[in-house]
Amino acid sequence: MNSHIVSFLVSNHPGVLYRITGLFRRRGYNIDSITVGVTTDPKFSRITIVLHADDRLLEQIVNQLKKLIDVKKVKILKQEDSVLREMALVKVKLNQEERVKIMETVETLSGRVVDIGVETFMVQFYGSYEVINNAISTLEPFGIVEVARTGMVAVQRGDDTINDQ
């Protein structure tokens, strides 16, 4: 099964996300990542879901999403034709003996220190799914305390947009 990105435009009102996730739950589909945000038109939100599915399952999911009254448009985004970004906040143990090495590692990974405590520090990373995973795995030997990830946001390159009705 391959990883797929499904982006769709929905009505922006209470209960829509619940109905969409309910569809996934009832059918036994797993969501790897989900992000939701209002568009330039406050009547609509964009939902981006990353999931693992074969082609048949992906087609079934898209068809079922299209049947929901609040779903206005569904688009499968190809990674090579889209700009994909995720952000992560990673809290790491602050080992004074290895402080310089840790900070050099963070700089090499293009991370940004956003908080320093007595025993921990927090780093912000953004980029592709692979960039975030690489940053997390590179920092694991130093002792990761906590990780929070936003989930994938994606927009297709070029002039075509999901907002086209």
N, C-alpha and C. Protein backbone atom coordinates (compact mmCIF):
# COMPACT_ATOMS: atom_id res chain seq x y z
N MET A 1 0.84 -1.18 0.00
CA MET A 1 0.00 0.00 0.00
C MET A 1 0.88 1.24 0.00
N ASN A 2 0.45 2.23 -0.75
CA ASN A 2 1.19 3.48 -0.87
C ASN A 2 0.56 4.57 -0.03
N SER A 3 1.35 5.58 0.28
CA SER A 3 0.86 6.74 0.99
C SER A 3 0.20 7.67 -0.03
N HIS A 4 -0.98 8.17 0.29
CA HIS A 4 -1.72 9.07 -0.59
C HIS A 4 -2.14 10.31 0.17
N ILE A 5 -2.25 11.41 -0.56
CA ILE A 5 -2.70 12.67 0.01
C ILE A 5 -4.03 13.02 -0.65
N VAL A 6 -5.07 13.17 0.15
CA VAL A 6 -6.39 13.53 -0.35
C VAL A 6 -6.74 14.89 0.25
N SER A 7 -7.01 15.85 -0.61
CA SER A 7 -7.36 17.19 -0.18
C SER A 7 -8.79 17.46 -0.62
N PHE A 8 -9.59 18.02 0.26
CA PHE A 8 -10.96 18.30 -0.14
C PHE A 8 -11.50 19.54 0.54
N LEU A 9 -12.44 20.16 -0.17
CA LEU A 9 -13.10 21.37 0.27
C LEU A 9 -14.44 20.97 0.88
N VAL A 10 -14.72 21.49 2.07
CA VAL A 10 -15.96 21.15 2.77
C VAL A 10 -16.63 22.41 3.29
N SER A 11 -17.93 22.29 3.58
CA SER A 11 -18.64 23.38 4.24
C SER A 11 -18.02 23.60 5.61
N ASN A 12 -17.90 24.83 5.99
CA ASN A 12 -17.28 25.17 7.27
C ASN A 12 -18.36 25.42 8.32
N HIS A 13 -18.81 24.33 8.94
CA HIS A 13 -19.75 24.47 10.05
C HIS A 13 -19.62 23.27 10.99
N PRO A 14 -20.15 23.37 12.20
CA PRO A 14 -19.98 22.32 13.20
C PRO A 14 -20.48 20.96 12.71
N GLY A 15 -19.73 19.91 13.05
CA GLY A 15 -20.14 18.55 12.77
C GLY A 15 -19.57 17.96 11.49
N VAL A 16 -19.02 18.79 10.61
CA VAL A 16 -18.51 18.28 9.33
C VAL A 16 -17.32 17.34 9.55
N LEU A 17 -16.36 17.76 10.34
CA LEU A 17 -15.20 16.91 10.59
C LEU A 17 -15.62 15.60 11.25
N TYR A 18 -16.56 15.67 12.16
CA TYR A 18 -17.07 14.47 12.84
C TYR A 18 -17.66 13.48 11.82
N ARG A 19 -18.45 13.98 10.88
CA ARG A 19 -19.06 13.11 9.87
C ARG A 19 -18.00 12.49 8.96
N ILE A 20 -16.97 13.26 8.62
CA ILE A 20 -15.92 12.75 7.74
C ILE A 20 -15.09 11.69 8.46
N THR A 21 -14.66 11.97 9.67
CA THR A 21 -13.89 10.98 10.40
C THR A 21 -14.74 9.77 10.74
N GLY A 22 -16.03 9.98 10.94
CA GLY A 22 -16.95 8.86 11.17
C GLY A 22 -17.01 7.93 9.97
N LEU A 23 -16.97 8.50 8.77
CA LEU A 23 -16.93 7.68 7.55
C LEU A 23 -15.69 6.78 7.56
N PHE A 24 -14.55 7.36 7.91
CA PHE A 24 -13.31 6.58 7.96
C PHE A 24 -13.39 5.51 9.05
N ARG A 25 -13.95 5.87 10.21
CA ARG A 25 -14.05 4.92 11.31
C ARG A 25 -14.95 3.76 10.96
N ARG A 26 -16.14 4.06 10.41
CA ARG A 26 -17.10 3.00 10.07
C ARG A 26 -16.54 2.03 9.04
N ARG A 27 -15.75 2.52 8.12
CA ARG A 27 -15.20 1.67 7.06
C ARG A 27 -13.88 1.01 7.47
N GLY A 28 -13.34 1.39 8.62
CA GLY A 28 -12.09 0.80 9.09
C GLY A 28 -10.86 1.34 8.39
N TYR A 29 -10.95 2.56 7.85
CA TYR A 29 -9.80 3.20 7.20
C TYR A 29 -8.98 3.93 8.26
N ASN A 30 -7.68 3.85 8.16
CA ASN A 30 -6.82 4.55 9.11
C ASN A 30 -6.31 5.85 8.49
N ILE A 31 -6.32 6.91 9.26
CA ILE A 31 -5.80 8.20 8.84
C ILE A 31 -4.42 8.37 9.46
N ASP A 32 -3.39 8.59 8.62
CA ASP A 32 -2.04 8.83 9.13
C ASP A 32 -1.88 10.26 9.62
N SER A 33 -2.52 11.19 8.91
CA SER A 33 -2.40 12.60 9.24
C SER A 33 -3.65 13.31 8.74
N ILE A 34 -4.13 14.29 9.52
CA ILE A 34 -5.28 15.09 9.10
C ILE A 34 -5.06 16.52 9.55
N THR A 35 -5.29 17.45 8.63
CA THR A 35 -5.23 18.87 8.96
C THR A 35 -6.48 19.54 8.40
N VAL A 36 -6.94 20.55 9.11
CA VAL A 36 -8.15 21.28 8.70
C VAL A 36 -7.90 22.76 8.91
N GLY A 37 -8.30 23.55 7.94
CA GLY A 37 -8.19 25.00 8.08
C GLY A 37 -9.18 25.71 7.18
N VAL A 38 -9.64 26.86 7.63
CA VAL A 38 -10.57 27.66 6.85
C VAL A 38 -9.85 28.19 5.61
N THR A 39 -10.59 28.36 4.51
CA THR A 39 -10.01 28.88 3.27
C THR A 39 -10.18 30.40 3.24
N THR A 40 -9.87 30.99 2.10
CA THR A 40 -10.07 32.44 1.95
C THR A 40 -11.54 32.80 2.01
N ASP A 41 -12.40 31.84 1.72
CA ASP A 41 -13.85 32.02 1.86
C ASP A 41 -14.26 31.34 3.16
N PRO A 42 -14.70 32.09 4.17
CA PRO A 42 -15.01 31.49 5.47
C PRO A 42 -16.14 30.47 5.46
N LYS A 43 -16.83 30.33 4.33
CA LYS A 43 -17.89 29.32 4.24
C LYS A 43 -17.30 27.92 4.02
N PHE A 44 -15.99 27.85 3.70
CA PHE A 44 -15.37 26.58 3.37
C PHE A 44 -14.08 26.34 4.16
N SER A 45 -13.82 25.07 4.43
CA SER A 45 -12.55 24.64 5.03
C SER A 45 -11.91 23.64 4.08
N ARG A 46 -10.59 23.56 4.17
CA ARG A 46 -9.84 22.55 3.41
C ARG A 46 -9.37 21.50 4.39
N ILE A 47 -9.62 20.25 4.07
CA ILE A 47 -9.14 19.13 4.87
C ILE A 47 -8.11 18.40 4.03
N THR A 48 -6.97 18.10 4.63
CA THR A 48 -5.94 17.31 3.96
C THR A 48 -5.70 16.07 4.80
N ILE A 49 -5.85 14.91 4.16
CA ILE A 49 -5.66 13.63 4.84
C ILE A 49 -4.55 12.86 4.15
N VAL A 50 -3.66 12.28 4.94
CA VAL A 50 -2.65 11.37 4.43
C VAL A 50 -3.03 9.98 4.93
N LEU A 51 -3.06 9.02 4.01
CA LEU A 51 -3.43 7.66 4.38
C LEU A 51 -2.69 6.66 3.50
N HIS A 52 -2.61 5.44 3.98
CA HIS A 52 -2.03 4.34 3.21
C HIS A 52 -3.18 3.53 2.62
N ALA A 53 -3.14 3.34 1.31
CA ALA A 53 -4.21 2.59 0.65
C ALA A 53 -3.72 2.12 -0.71
N ASP A 54 -4.28 1.01 -1.16
CA ASP A 54 -4.01 0.61 -2.55
C ASP A 54 -4.96 1.42 -3.44
N ASP A 55 -4.80 1.30 -4.75
CA ASP A 55 -5.59 2.12 -5.68
C ASP A 55 -7.09 1.87 -5.55
N ARG A 56 -7.49 0.63 -5.35
CA ARG A 56 -8.91 0.30 -5.23
C ARG A 56 -9.51 0.94 -3.98
N LEU A 57 -8.81 0.83 -2.86
CA LEU A 57 -9.28 1.42 -1.61
C LEU A 57 -9.33 2.94 -1.72
N LEU A 58 -8.32 3.54 -2.33
CA LEU A 58 -8.29 4.99 -2.50
C LEU A 58 -9.50 5.46 -3.31
N GLU A 59 -9.79 4.77 -4.38
CA GLU A 59 -10.95 5.12 -5.21
C GLU A 59 -12.24 5.01 -4.40
N GLN A 60 -12.35 3.97 -3.59
CA GLN A 60 -13.54 3.76 -2.75
C GLN A 60 -13.68 4.92 -1.74
N ILE A 61 -12.58 5.33 -1.13
CA ILE A 61 -12.61 6.43 -0.16
C ILE A 61 -13.06 7.72 -0.83
N VAL A 62 -12.48 8.03 -1.98
CA VAL A 62 -12.83 9.26 -2.71
C VAL A 62 -14.31 9.24 -3.08
N ASN A 63 -14.79 8.12 -3.57
CA ASN A 63 -16.21 8.03 -3.96
C ASN A 63 -17.13 8.23 -2.76
N GLN A 64 -16.76 7.69 -1.62
CA GLN A 64 -17.59 7.84 -0.43
C GLN A 64 -17.55 9.27 0.10
N LEU A 65 -16.39 9.92 0.00
CA LEU A 65 -16.30 11.32 0.41
C LEU A 65 -17.20 12.19 -0.46
N LYS A 66 -17.20 11.92 -1.76
CA LYS A 66 -18.00 12.71 -2.70
C LYS A 66 -19.50 12.60 -2.42
N LYS A 67 -19.93 11.53 -1.77
CA LYS A 67 -21.35 11.33 -1.46
C LYS A 67 -21.81 12.20 -0.29
N LEU A 68 -20.86 12.67 0.53
CA LEU A 68 -21.24 13.49 1.69
C LEU A 68 -21.64 14.88 1.23
N ILE A 69 -22.78 15.36 1.71
CA ILE A 69 -23.34 16.63 1.26
C ILE A 69 -22.42 17.81 1.54
N ASP A 70 -21.66 17.77 2.63
CA ASP A 70 -20.79 18.88 2.99
C ASP A 70 -19.47 18.90 2.21
N VAL A 71 -19.16 17.84 1.49
CA VAL A 71 -17.93 17.78 0.71
C VAL A 71 -18.21 18.39 -0.65
N LYS A 72 -17.49 19.46 -0.98
CA LYS A 72 -17.73 20.20 -2.22
C LYS A 72 -16.82 19.73 -3.36
N LYS A 73 -15.58 19.37 -3.04
CA LYS A 73 -14.63 18.93 -4.08
C LYS A 73 -13.57 18.07 -3.43
N VAL A 74 -13.17 17.01 -4.11
CA VAL A 74 -12.14 16.09 -3.61
C VAL A 74 -11.04 16.00 -4.65
N LYS A 75 -9.81 16.03 -4.19
CA LYS A 75 -8.68 15.95 -5.11
C LYS A 75 -7.59 15.07 -4.50
N ILE A 76 -7.09 14.13 -5.29
CA ILE A 76 -5.94 13.34 -4.88
C ILE A 76 -4.71 14.09 -5.36
N LEU A 77 -3.81 14.41 -4.44
CA LEU A 77 -2.61 15.16 -4.78
C LEU A 77 -1.43 14.21 -4.94
N LYS A 78 -0.71 14.36 -6.03
CA LYS A 78 0.51 13.58 -6.23
C LYS A 78 1.66 14.35 -5.57
N GLN A 79 2.49 13.62 -4.84
CA GLN A 79 3.58 14.26 -4.11
C GLN A 79 4.48 15.05 -5.03
N GLU A 80 4.79 14.50 -6.20
CA GLU A 80 5.72 15.18 -7.11
C GLU A 80 5.13 16.43 -7.74
N ASP A 81 3.80 16.59 -7.70
CA ASP A 81 3.14 17.75 -8.29
C ASP A 81 2.62 18.72 -7.24
N SER A 82 3.06 18.57 -5.99
CA SER A 82 2.50 19.37 -4.89
C SER A 82 3.61 19.89 -3.99
N VAL A 83 3.29 20.94 -3.27
CA VAL A 83 4.16 21.44 -2.21
C VAL A 83 3.60 20.88 -0.91
N LEU A 84 4.41 20.14 -0.18
CA LEU A 84 3.99 19.46 1.05
C LEU A 84 4.81 19.99 2.22
N ARG A 85 4.14 20.32 3.30
CA ARG A 85 4.84 20.80 4.49
C ARG A 85 4.17 20.28 5.75
N GLU A 86 5.00 20.08 6.74
CA GLU A 86 4.55 19.69 8.07
C GLU A 86 5.44 20.43 9.06
N MET A 87 4.93 20.68 10.25
CA MET A 87 5.75 21.28 11.29
C MET A 87 5.74 20.35 12.50
N ALA A 88 6.84 20.35 13.22
CA ALA A 88 6.93 19.55 14.44
C ALA A 88 7.64 20.36 15.52
N LEU A 89 7.17 20.20 16.74
CA LEU A 89 7.86 20.71 17.91
C LEU A 89 8.41 19.50 18.65
N VAL A 90 9.71 19.51 18.89
CA VAL A 90 10.38 18.37 19.52
C VAL A 90 11.07 18.86 20.79
N LYS A 91 10.67 18.29 21.93
CA LYS A 91 11.29 18.63 23.21
C LYS A 91 12.34 17.57 23.51
N VAL A 92 13.56 18.03 23.78
CA VAL A 92 14.71 17.15 23.96
C VAL A 92 15.37 17.43 25.31
N LYS A 93 15.88 16.38 25.94
CA LYS A 93 16.62 16.55 27.19
C LYS A 93 17.82 17.46 26.94
N LEU A 94 18.08 18.34 27.88
CA LEU A 94 19.20 19.27 27.78
C LEU A 94 20.35 18.74 28.61
N ASN A 95 21.26 18.07 27.95
CA ASN A 95 22.44 17.51 28.58
C ASN A 95 23.56 18.53 28.45
N GLN A 96 23.97 19.13 29.57
CA GLN A 96 24.97 20.20 29.54
C GLN A 96 26.30 19.76 28.91
N GLU A 97 26.68 18.49 29.11
CA GLU A 97 27.94 18.00 28.57
C GLU A 97 27.89 17.92 27.03
N GLU A 98 26.72 17.66 26.49
CA GLU A 98 26.57 17.52 25.04
C GLU A 98 25.87 18.71 24.39
N ARG A 99 25.74 19.79 25.14
CA ARG A 99 24.97 20.96 24.67
C ARG A 99 25.46 21.46 23.31
N VAL A 100 26.75 21.63 23.14
CA VAL A 100 27.29 22.14 21.88
C VAL A 100 26.98 21.18 20.74
N LYS A 101 27.17 19.88 20.97
CA LYS A 101 26.89 18.88 19.95
C LYS A 101 25.41 18.88 19.57
N ILE A 102 24.53 18.98 20.57
CA ILE A 102 23.09 19.00 20.31
C ILE A 102 22.71 20.22 19.48
N MET A 103 23.23 21.39 19.86
CA MET A 103 22.91 22.62 19.14
C MET A 103 23.45 22.58 17.70
N GLU A 104 24.62 22.01 17.51
CA GLU A 104 25.16 21.86 16.15
C GLU A 104 24.28 20.92 15.32
N THR A 105 23.82 19.86 15.95
CA THR A 105 22.93 18.92 15.26
C THR A 105 21.64 19.60 14.85
N VAL A 106 21.06 20.38 15.74
CA VAL A 106 19.82 21.11 15.44
C VAL A 106 20.05 22.07 14.27
N GLU A 107 21.18 22.77 14.29
CA GLU A 107 21.49 23.70 13.20
C GLU A 107 21.66 22.97 11.88
N THR A 108 22.32 21.83 11.91
CA THR A 108 22.52 21.01 10.70
C THR A 108 21.17 20.57 10.12
N LEU A 109 20.22 20.29 11.00
CA LEU A 109 18.89 19.83 10.57
C LEU A 109 17.97 21.00 10.20
N SER A 110 18.49 22.23 10.24
CA SER A 110 17.71 23.45 9.95
C SER A 110 16.57 23.64 10.95
N GLY A 111 16.80 23.21 12.17
CA GLY A 111 15.81 23.42 13.22
C GLY A 111 16.00 24.77 13.87
N ARG A 112 15.00 25.17 14.62
CA ARG A 112 15.05 26.45 15.32
C ARG A 112 14.68 26.23 16.77
N VAL A 113 15.56 26.58 17.67
CA VAL A 113 15.27 26.45 19.10
C VAL A 113 14.25 27.52 19.46
N VAL A 114 13.11 27.08 20.04
CA VAL A 114 12.04 28.01 20.38
C VAL A 114 11.82 28.13 21.89
N ASP A 115 12.48 27.26 22.67
CA ASP A 115 12.34 27.34 24.13
C ASP A 115 13.50 26.59 24.77
N ILE A 116 14.04 27.17 25.82
CA ILE A 116 15.09 26.49 26.59
C ILE A 116 14.69 26.53 28.06
N GLY A 117 14.60 25.34 28.64
CA GLY A 117 14.29 25.22 30.06
C GLY A 117 15.54 24.79 30.82
N VAL A 118 15.36 24.39 32.05
CA VAL A 118 16.48 23.94 32.88
C VAL A 118 16.95 22.56 32.43
N GLU A 119 15.99 21.66 32.15
CA GLU A 119 16.34 20.28 31.82
C GLU A 119 16.01 19.89 30.39
N THR A 120 15.27 20.74 29.67
CA THR A 120 14.88 20.42 28.29
C THR A 120 14.95 21.67 27.43
N PHE A 121 14.95 21.43 26.13
CA PHE A 121 14.80 22.53 25.18
C PHE A 121 13.87 22.05 24.07
N MET A 122 13.25 23.01 23.38
CA MET A 122 12.29 22.67 22.33
C MET A 122 12.77 23.23 21.00
N VAL A 123 12.65 22.37 19.96
CA VAL A 123 13.08 22.75 18.63
C VAL A 123 11.89 22.66 17.68
N GLN A 124 11.82 23.61 16.76
CA GLN A 124 10.79 23.62 15.72
C GLN A 124 11.44 23.17 14.41
N PHE A 125 10.78 22.26 13.72
CA PHE A 125 11.21 21.82 12.40
C PHE A 125 10.04 21.96 11.45
N TYR A 126 10.32 22.28 10.20
CA TYR A 126 9.27 22.22 9.20
C TYR A 126 9.87 21.72 7.89
N GLY A 127 9.03 21.07 7.13
CA GLY A 127 9.47 20.51 5.85
C GLY A 127 8.60 19.34 5.47
N SER A 128 9.14 18.48 4.64
CA SER A 128 8.41 17.30 4.20
C SER A 128 8.33 16.28 5.34
N TYR A 129 7.48 15.30 5.13
CA TYR A 129 7.33 14.21 6.08
C TYR A 129 8.69 13.56 6.38
N GLU A 130 9.48 13.37 5.32
CA GLU A 130 10.79 12.75 5.45
C GLU A 130 11.75 13.63 6.27
N VAL A 131 11.70 14.95 6.05
CA VAL A 131 12.56 15.87 6.79
C VAL A 131 12.23 15.80 8.29
N ILE A 132 10.94 15.80 8.61
CA ILE A 132 10.53 15.74 10.01
C ILE A 132 10.95 14.41 10.64
N ASN A 133 10.70 13.31 9.95
CA ASN A 133 11.09 12.00 10.48
C ASN A 133 12.59 11.91 10.68
N ASN A 134 13.36 12.44 9.74
CA ASN A 134 14.82 12.43 9.86
C ASN A 134 15.27 13.23 11.08
N ALA A 135 14.68 14.41 11.27
CA ALA A 135 15.05 15.24 12.42
C ALA A 135 14.76 14.53 13.73
N ILE A 136 13.60 13.91 13.82
CA ILE A 136 13.23 13.20 15.05
C ILE A 136 14.16 12.03 15.30
N SER A 137 14.43 11.24 14.28
CA SER A 137 15.32 10.08 14.48
C SER A 137 16.75 10.51 14.81
N THR A 138 17.19 11.63 14.27
CA THR A 138 18.54 12.13 14.56
C THR A 138 18.66 12.61 16.00
N LEU A 139 17.57 13.16 16.54
CA LEU A 139 17.60 13.66 17.92
C LEU A 139 17.31 12.58 18.96
N GLU A 140 16.82 11.44 18.55
CA GLU A 140 16.47 10.37 19.50
C GLU A 140 17.62 10.00 20.45
N PRO A 141 18.87 9.88 19.98
CA PRO A 141 19.95 9.52 20.90
C PRO A 141 20.16 10.52 22.04
N PHE A 142 19.73 11.77 21.86
CA PHE A 142 19.89 12.78 22.90
C PHE A 142 18.79 12.70 23.96
N GLY A 143 17.70 11.98 23.62
CA GLY A 143 16.60 11.81 24.58
C GLY A 143 15.41 12.71 24.30
N ILE A 144 14.56 12.27 23.42
CA ILE A 144 13.34 13.03 23.13
C ILE A 144 12.34 12.83 24.26
N VAL A 145 11.78 13.94 24.73
CA VAL A 145 10.82 13.93 25.81
C VAL A 145 9.39 13.97 25.27
N GLU A 146 9.19 14.76 24.20
CA GLU A 146 7.84 14.96 23.67
C GLU A 146 7.92 15.43 22.22
N VAL A 147 6.93 15.00 21.42
CA VAL A 147 6.84 15.43 20.02
C VAL A 147 5.40 15.80 19.72
N ALA A 148 5.20 16.94 19.06
CA ALA A 148 3.88 17.34 18.55
C ALA A 148 4.05 17.69 17.08
N ARG A 149 3.20 17.06 16.24
CA ARG A 149 3.27 17.30 14.79
C ARG A 149 1.96 17.87 14.29
N THR A 150 2.04 18.73 13.29
CA THR A 150 0.84 19.37 12.76
C THR A 150 0.07 18.48 11.82
N GLY A 151 0.72 17.57 11.15
CA GLY A 151 0.10 16.85 10.05
C GLY A 151 0.43 17.59 8.76
N MET A 152 0.23 16.93 7.66
CA MET A 152 0.62 17.44 6.36
C MET A 152 -0.36 18.50 5.85
N VAL A 153 0.19 19.57 5.33
CA VAL A 153 -0.59 20.51 4.52
C VAL A 153 -0.01 20.42 3.12
N ALA A 154 -0.88 20.50 2.12
CA ALA A 154 -0.42 20.31 0.75
C ALA A 154 -1.26 21.15 -0.21
N VAL A 155 -0.59 21.69 -1.21
CA VAL A 155 -1.25 22.42 -2.27
C VAL A 155 -0.60 22.00 -3.58
N GLN A 156 -1.44 21.75 -4.58
CA GLN A 156 -0.94 21.33 -5.89
C GLN A 156 -0.20 22.49 -6.55
N ARG A 157 0.91 22.18 -7.19
CA ARG A 157 1.68 23.18 -7.93
C ARG A 157 0.89 23.63 -9.15
N GLY A 158 1.24 24.79 -9.69
CA GLY A 158 0.63 25.26 -10.93
C GLY A 158 -0.66 26.04 -10.69
N ASP A 159 -1.41 26.23 -11.75
CA ASP A 159 -2.59 27.08 -11.72
C ASP A 159 -3.86 26.39 -11.25
N ASP A 160 -3.91 25.07 -11.31
CA ASP A 160 -5.10 24.34 -10.90
C ASP A 160 -5.26 24.44 -9.38
N THR A 161 -6.48 24.64 -8.90
CA THR A 161 -6.71 24.73 -7.46
C THR A 161 -7.95 23.95 -7.06
N ILE A 162 -7.99 23.55 -5.83
CA ILE A 162 -9.16 22.83 -5.32
C ILE A 162 -10.36 23.77 -5.19
N ASN A 163 -10.10 25.08 -5.11
CA ASN A 163 -11.18 26.04 -4.98
C ASN A 163 -11.97 26.24 -6.27
N ASP A 164 -11.42 25.75 -7.40
CA ASP A 164 -12.15 25.85 -8.67
C ASP A 164 -13.42 25.04 -8.57
N GLN A 165 -14.55 25.65 -8.81
CA GLN A 165 -15.82 24.93 -8.71
C GLN A 165 -16.32 24.51 -10.07
